[in-house]
Amino acid sequence: MEEAVRSVPGLRSVRSTSSRGTSDISINFDWGQDMVAAMLQVESAINKVLPTLPAGTTFDVRRMDPTVFPVIAYSLTSKAHSLVELRDIAYWQLRPLLSSVPGVAKVSVLGGAEAEYRVTIDPGRLEARGLALADVSRRCRHPTRSARSAGSRTTTNSISRSSMTARLMSGRSVRPCSSRAPRGWCV
């Protein structure tokens, strides 16, 4: 089969891997080659030799989509920043910058850790303020708005590293802490 596909014009290289019952042939073409025509020519070349192969042999010609595979991968590490902070830096700072580079189709952020929160509700205080659980849920989704809910909001980082708790009972706005402040949320 490798010999058959070598006759296709514009072919740059052929690489094959065979194991029991299967064979995978990777064919690379010159830059700028019409890939639809090349795929049809590869199918035609294989169809010519198909009768000489064992009975029941089938094949599938697929065009590789380079946008499925990453071209470049970066890894962020730090002794000063948590995995949550590194993911935020990658997502909110690096991703927009890399996306603006001409020719970059997509930038994905993988790994790290996403911030998680534990909200403890005091039903008595909630009722005393005339609030429902839906009000607390809405305030948690939009923490930069003024919050008048009972209970507390604690980050998982603060549970394990410090005991910082941003109280939501005071009615003051909840906002993310600066990078120099203790990890968590500030009121």
C-alpha atoms as a PDB file:
ATOM      1  CA  MET A   1       0.000   0.000   0.000  1.00  0.00           C
ATOM      2  CA  GLU A   2       2.873   2.359   0.766  1.00  0.00           C
ATOM      3  CA  GLU A   3       4.181   1.884  -2.781  1.00  0.00           C
ATOM      4  CA  ALA A   4       0.734   2.572  -4.212  1.00  0.00           C
ATOM      5  CA  VAL A   5       0.286   5.884  -2.394  1.00  0.00           C
ATOM      6  CA  ARG A   6       3.797   7.075  -3.263  1.00  0.00           C
ATOM      7  CA  SER A   7       2.511   7.738  -6.786  1.00  0.00           C
ATOM      8  CA  VAL A   8       0.236  10.546  -5.558  1.00  0.00           C
ATOM      9  CA  PRO A   9       1.590  13.972  -6.697  1.00  0.00           C
ATOM     10  CA  GLY A  10       2.737  16.437  -4.031  1.00  0.00           C
ATOM     11  CA  LEU A  11       3.584  13.694  -1.527  1.00  0.00           C
ATOM     12  CA  ARG A  12       6.274  14.714   0.935  1.00  0.00           C
ATOM     13  CA  SER A  13       6.603  11.621   3.156  1.00  0.00           C
ATOM     14  CA  VAL A  14       4.956   8.303   4.003  1.00  0.00           C
ATOM     15  CA  ARG A  15       5.146   6.622   7.399  1.00  0.00           C
ATOM     16  CA  SER A  16       3.417   3.387   8.295  1.00  0.00           C
ATOM     17  CA  THR A  17       2.870   1.373  11.434  1.00  0.00           C
ATOM     18  CA  SER A  18       1.562  -2.174  11.239  1.00  0.00           C
ATOM     19  CA  SER A  19       0.429  -4.524  13.929  1.00  0.00           C
ATOM     20  CA  ARG A  20      -1.610  -7.698  13.931  1.00  0.00           C
ATOM     21  CA  GLY A  21      -4.635  -7.086  11.718  1.00  0.00           C
ATOM     22  CA  THR A  22      -4.181  -3.333  11.213  1.00  0.00           C
ATOM     23  CA  SER A  23      -1.966  -0.894   9.379  1.00  0.00           C
ATOM     24  CA  ASP A  24      -1.852   2.856   9.803  1.00  0.00           C
ATOM     25  CA  ILE A  25      -0.298   4.921   7.033  1.00  0.00           C
ATOM     26  CA  SER A  26       0.413   8.617   7.570  1.00  0.00           C
ATOM     27  CA  ILE A  27       0.982  10.635   4.423  1.00  0.00           C
ATOM     28  CA  ASN A  28       2.297  14.192   4.470  1.00  0.00           C
ATOM     29  CA  PHE A  29       1.926  16.533   1.524  1.00  0.00           C
ATOM     30  CA  ASP A  30       3.718  19.660   0.409  1.00  0.00           C
ATOM     31  CA  TRP A  31       2.431  22.926   1.853  1.00  0.00           C
ATOM     32  CA  GLY A  32      -0.320  24.440  -0.280  1.00  0.00           C
ATOM     33  CA  GLN A  33      -1.392  21.108  -1.776  1.00  0.00           C
ATOM     34  CA  ASP A  34      -5.114  20.736  -2.572  1.00  0.00           C
ATOM     35  CA  MET A  35      -5.972  18.300   0.223  1.00  0.00           C
ATOM     36  CA  VAL A  36      -9.391  17.319  -1.131  1.00  0.00           C
ATOM     37  CA  ALA A  37      -7.816  16.263  -4.448  1.00  0.00           C
ATOM     38  CA  ALA A  38      -4.922  14.556  -2.638  1.00  0.00           C
ATOM     39  CA  MET A  39      -7.351  12.567  -0.476  1.00  0.00           C
ATOM     40  CA  LEU A  40      -9.256  11.403  -3.561  1.00  0.00           C
ATOM     41  CA  GLN A  41      -5.983  10.399  -5.247  1.00  0.00           C
ATOM     42  CA  VAL A  42      -4.898   8.410  -2.174  1.00  0.00           C
ATOM     43  CA  GLU A  43      -8.264   6.591  -2.156  1.00  0.00           C
ATOM     44  CA  SER A  44      -7.870   5.820  -5.868  1.00  0.00           C
ATOM     45  CA  ALA A  45      -4.310   4.488  -5.402  1.00  0.00           C
ATOM     46  CA  ILE A  46      -5.404   2.192  -2.551  1.00  0.00           C
ATOM     47  CA  ASN A  47      -8.451   0.982  -4.518  1.00  0.00           C
ATOM     48  CA  LYS A  48      -6.077  -0.113  -7.314  1.00  0.00           C
ATOM     49  CA  VAL A  49      -4.165  -2.461  -4.968  1.00  0.00           C
ATOM     50  CA  LEU A  50      -7.143  -3.536  -2.836  1.00  0.00           C
ATOM     51  CA  PRO A  51      -7.848  -6.691  -4.933  1.00  0.00           C
ATOM     52  CA  THR A  52      -4.297  -7.911  -4.178  1.00  0.00           C
ATOM     53  CA  LEU A  53      -4.838  -7.670  -0.395  1.00  0.00           C
ATOM     54  CA  PRO A  54      -6.432 -10.411   1.739  1.00  0.00           C
ATOM     55  CA  ALA A  55     -10.194 -10.870   1.329  1.00  0.00           C
ATOM     56  CA  GLY A  56     -12.267  -8.644   3.622  1.00  0.00           C
ATOM     57  CA  THR A  57      -9.611  -5.902   3.782  1.00  0.00           C
ATOM     58  CA  THR A  58     -11.161  -2.457   4.173  1.00  0.00           C
ATOM     59  CA  PHE A  59      -9.653   0.990   4.417  1.00  0.00           C
ATOM     60  CA  ASP A  60     -10.610   4.460   5.509  1.00  0.00           C
ATOM     61  CA  VAL A  61      -8.890   7.620   4.289  1.00  0.00           C
ATOM     62  CA  ARG A  62      -9.198  10.545   6.680  1.00  0.00           C
ATOM     63  CA  ARG A  63      -7.830  14.008   6.429  1.00  0.00           C
ATOM     64  CA  MET A  64      -6.062  15.140   9.574  1.00  0.00           C
ATOM     65  CA  ASP A  65      -7.424  18.328  11.110  1.00  0.00           C
ATOM     66  CA  PRO A  66      -4.496  20.192  12.691  1.00  0.00           C
ATOM     67  CA  THR A  67      -6.850  22.368  14.741  1.00  0.00           C
ATOM     68  CA  VAL A  68      -7.671  19.316  16.872  1.00  0.00           C
ATOM     69  CA  PHE A  69      -4.107  19.029  18.142  1.00  0.00           C
ATOM     70  CA  PRO A  70      -2.202  21.675  20.083  1.00  0.00           C
ATOM     71  CA  VAL A  71       0.726  23.241  18.307  1.00  0.00           C
ATOM     72  CA  ILE A  72       2.318  24.723  21.420  1.00  0.00           C
ATOM     73  CA  ALA A  73       1.701  23.970  25.086  1.00  0.00           C
ATOM     74  CA  TYR A  74       2.855  26.071  28.037  1.00  0.00           C
ATOM     75  CA  SER A  75       3.071  25.082  31.663  1.00  0.00           C
ATOM     76  CA  LEU A  76       2.866  27.622  34.477  1.00  0.00           C
ATOM     77  CA  THR A  77       4.548  26.823  37.775  1.00  0.00           C
ATOM     78  CA  SER A  78       5.098  28.973  40.831  1.00  0.00           C
ATOM     79  CA  LYS A  79       6.173  28.716  44.422  1.00  0.00           C
ATOM     80  CA  ALA A  80       4.409  32.000  45.187  1.00  0.00           C
ATOM     81  CA  HIS A  81       1.016  31.393  43.524  1.00  0.00           C
ATOM     82  CA  SER A  82      -1.584  28.675  44.112  1.00  0.00           C
ATOM     83  CA  LEU A  83      -2.990  26.473  41.342  1.00  0.00           C
ATOM     84  CA  VAL A  84      -6.169  28.582  41.420  1.00  0.00           C
ATOM     85  CA  GLU A  85      -4.163  31.783  40.926  1.00  0.00           C
ATOM     86  CA  LEU A  86      -2.099  30.242  38.119  1.00  0.00           C
ATOM     87  CA  ARG A  87      -5.241  29.091  36.315  1.00  0.00           C
ATOM     88  CA  ASP A  88      -6.739  32.582  36.677  1.00  0.00           C
ATOM     89  CA  ILE A  89      -3.550  34.147  35.265  1.00  0.00           C
ATOM     90  CA  ALA A  90      -3.592  31.722  32.331  1.00  0.00           C
ATOM     91  CA  TYR A  91      -7.301  32.217  31.652  1.00  0.00           C
ATOM     92  CA  TRP A  92      -7.720  35.958  32.204  1.00  0.00           C
ATOM     93  CA  GLN A  93      -4.292  37.291  31.165  1.00  0.00           C
ATOM     94  CA  LEU A  94      -2.405  34.870  28.906  1.00  0.00           C
ATOM     95  CA  ARG A  95      -5.364  33.454  26.946  1.00  0.00           C
ATOM     96  CA  PRO A  96      -6.521  36.876  25.633  1.00  0.00           C
ATOM     97  CA  LEU A  97      -2.950  37.845  24.722  1.00  0.00           C
ATOM     98  CA  LEU A  98      -2.235  34.584  22.877  1.00  0.00           C
ATOM     99  CA  SER A  99      -5.643  34.705  21.156  1.00  0.00           C
ATOM    100  CA  SER A 100      -4.747  38.076  19.644  1.00  0.00           C
ATOM    101  CA  VAL A 101      -1.658  36.677  17.870  1.00  0.00           C
ATOM    102  CA  PRO A 102      -2.333  36.482  14.098  1.00  0.00           C
ATOM    103  CA  GLY A 103      -2.888  32.889  12.973  1.00  0.00           C
ATOM    104  CA  VAL A 104      -3.875  31.553  16.403  1.00  0.00           C
ATOM    105  CA  ALA A 105      -7.242  29.824  16.033  1.00  0.00           C
ATOM    106  CA  LYS A 106      -7.930  28.790  19.613  1.00  0.00           C
ATOM    107  CA  VAL A 107      -6.312  28.991  23.038  1.00  0.00           C
ATOM    108  CA  SER A 108      -7.393  26.500  25.694  1.00  0.00           C
ATOM    109  CA  VAL A 109      -6.527  26.516  29.377  1.00  0.00           C
ATOM    110  CA  LEU A 110      -6.198  23.083  30.964  1.00  0.00           C
ATOM    111  CA  GLY A 111      -5.199  21.987  34.449  1.00  0.00           C
ATOM    112  CA  GLY A 112      -4.721  24.104  37.497  1.00  0.00           C
ATOM    113  CA  ALA A 113      -7.564  24.345  39.946  1.00  0.00           C
ATOM    114  CA  GLU A 114     -10.778  26.317  39.914  1.00  0.00           C
ATOM    115  CA  ALA A 115     -11.872  28.194  43.010  1.00  0.00           C
ATOM    116  CA  GLU A 116     -14.554  26.445  45.028  1.00  0.00           C
ATOM    117  CA  TYR A 117     -16.636  27.947  47.775  1.00  0.00           C
ATOM    118  CA  ARG A 118     -18.502  26.638  50.778  1.00  0.00           C
ATOM    119  CA  VAL A 119     -21.498  28.700  51.819  1.00  0.00           C
ATOM    120  CA  THR A 120     -22.897  28.097  55.282  1.00  0.00           C
ATOM    121  CA  ILE A 121     -26.462  29.343  55.734  1.00  0.00           C
ATOM    122  CA  ASP A 122     -27.950  30.336  59.070  1.00  0.00           C
ATOM    123  CA  PRO A 123     -31.708  29.851  58.448  1.00  0.00           C
ATOM    124  CA  GLY A 124     -32.678  32.135  61.347  1.00  0.00           C
ATOM    125  CA  ARG A 125     -30.613  35.058  60.120  1.00  0.00           C
ATOM    126  CA  LEU A 126     -31.753  34.445  56.562  1.00  0.00           C
ATOM    127  CA  GLU A 127     -35.401  34.565  57.615  1.00  0.00           C
ATOM    128  CA  ALA A 128     -34.815  37.630  59.834  1.00  0.00           C
ATOM    129  CA  ARG A 129     -33.560  39.549  56.806  1.00  0.00           C
ATOM    130  CA  GLY A 130     -36.462  38.389  54.630  1.00  0.00           C
ATOM    131  CA  LEU A 131     -34.217  36.482  52.229  1.00  0.00           C
ATOM    132  CA  ALA A 132     -34.570  33.121  50.498  1.00  0.00           C
ATOM    133  CA  LEU A 133     -31.913  30.608  49.464  1.00  0.00           C
ATOM    134  CA  ALA A 134     -32.331  31.840  45.890  1.00  0.00           C
ATOM    135  CA  ASP A 135     -31.132  35.305  47.055  1.00  0.00           C
ATOM    136  CA  VAL A 136     -27.954  33.787  48.506  1.00  0.00           C
ATOM    137  CA  SER A 137     -27.403  31.745  45.354  1.00  0.00           C
ATOM    138  CA  ARG A 138     -27.779  34.848  43.180  1.00  0.00           C
ATOM    139  CA  ARG A 139     -25.330  36.806  45.355  1.00  0.00           C
ATOM    140  CA  CYS A 140     -22.793  33.988  45.168  1.00  0.00           C
ATOM    141  CA  ARG A 141     -22.961  34.014  41.357  1.00  0.00           C
ATOM    142  CA  HIS A 142     -22.476  37.800  41.322  1.00  0.00           C
ATOM    143  CA  PRO A 143     -20.126  38.488  44.281  1.00  0.00           C
ATOM    144  CA  THR A 144     -19.240  42.066  43.264  1.00  0.00           C
ATOM    145  CA  ARG A 145     -22.776  43.242  43.967  1.00  0.00           C
ATOM    146  CA  SER A 146     -23.888  44.300  47.424  1.00  0.00           C
ATOM    147  CA  ALA A 147     -24.740  41.231  49.470  1.00  0.00           C
ATOM    148  CA  ARG A 148     -27.187  41.145  52.389  1.00  0.00           C
ATOM    149  CA  SER A 149     -27.352  37.466  53.159  1.00  0.00           C
ATOM    150  CA  ALA A 150     -26.791  35.496  56.300  1.00  0.00           C
ATOM    151  CA  GLY A 151     -24.035  32.958  56.613  1.00  0.00           C
ATOM    152  CA  SER A 152     -20.498  33.045  55.316  1.00  0.00           C
ATOM    153  CA  ARG A 153     -18.478  32.462  52.186  1.00  0.00           C
ATOM    154  CA  THR A 154     -15.200  30.635  52.548  1.00  0.00           C
ATOM    155  CA  THR A 155     -12.746  29.591  49.853  1.00  0.00           C
ATOM    156  CA  THR A 156     -11.253  26.105  49.903  1.00  0.00           C
ATOM    157  CA  ASN A 157      -7.812  27.750  49.994  1.00  0.00           C
ATOM    158  CA  SER A 158      -8.759  29.619  53.129  1.00  0.00           C
ATOM    159  CA  ILE A 159     -10.123  26.464  54.742  1.00  0.00           C
ATOM    160  CA  SER A 160      -6.824  24.683  54.269  1.00  0.00           C
ATOM    161  CA  ARG A 161      -4.330  27.572  54.554  1.00  0.00           C
ATOM    162  CA  SER A 162      -5.746  30.336  56.682  1.00  0.00           C
ATOM    163  CA  SER A 163      -9.125  30.745  58.227  1.00  0.00           C
ATOM    164  CA  MET A 164     -10.261  33.710  56.197  1.00  0.00           C
ATOM    165  CA  THR A 165     -14.015  33.962  55.896  1.00  0.00           C
ATOM    166  CA  ALA A 166     -15.815  36.721  54.051  1.00  0.00           C
ATOM    167  CA  ARG A 167     -18.968  37.402  56.013  1.00  0.00           C
ATOM    168  CA  LEU A 168     -22.008  38.233  53.947  1.00  0.00           C
ATOM    169  CA  MET A 169     -24.115  39.378  56.888  1.00  0.00           C
ATOM    170  CA  SER A 170     -22.811  42.923  57.053  1.00  0.00           C
ATOM    171  CA  GLY A 171     -24.400  44.120  53.818  1.00  0.00           C
ATOM    172  CA  ARG A 172     -21.044  45.296  52.486  1.00  0.00           C
ATOM    173  CA  SER A 173     -19.884  44.393  48.971  1.00  0.00           C
ATOM    174  CA  VAL A 174     -17.908  41.204  48.482  1.00  0.00           C
ATOM    175  CA  ARG A 175     -14.958  41.480  46.096  1.00  0.00           C
ATOM    176  CA  PRO A 176     -11.882  39.405  45.256  1.00  0.00           C
ATOM    177  CA  CYS A 177      -8.847  40.188  47.403  1.00  0.00           C
ATOM    178  CA  SER A 178      -5.807  41.722  45.766  1.00  0.00           C
ATOM    179  CA  SER A 179      -2.851  39.437  45.088  1.00  0.00           C
ATOM    180  CA  ARG A 180      -1.093  40.867  48.141  1.00  0.00           C
ATOM    181  CA  ALA A 181      -3.994  40.224  50.489  1.00  0.00           C
ATOM    182  CA  PRO A 182      -4.588  36.833  52.112  1.00  0.00           C
ATOM    183  CA  ARG A 183      -6.099  34.274  49.739  1.00  0.00           C
ATOM    184  CA  GLY A 184      -9.873  34.362  49.588  1.00  0.00           C
ATOM    185  CA  TRP A 185     -12.544  37.001  49.287  1.00  0.00           C
ATOM    186  CA  CYS A 186     -12.575  40.409  50.927  1.00  0.00           C
ATOM    187  CA  VAL A 187     -15.530  42.352  52.242  1.00  0.00           C
END
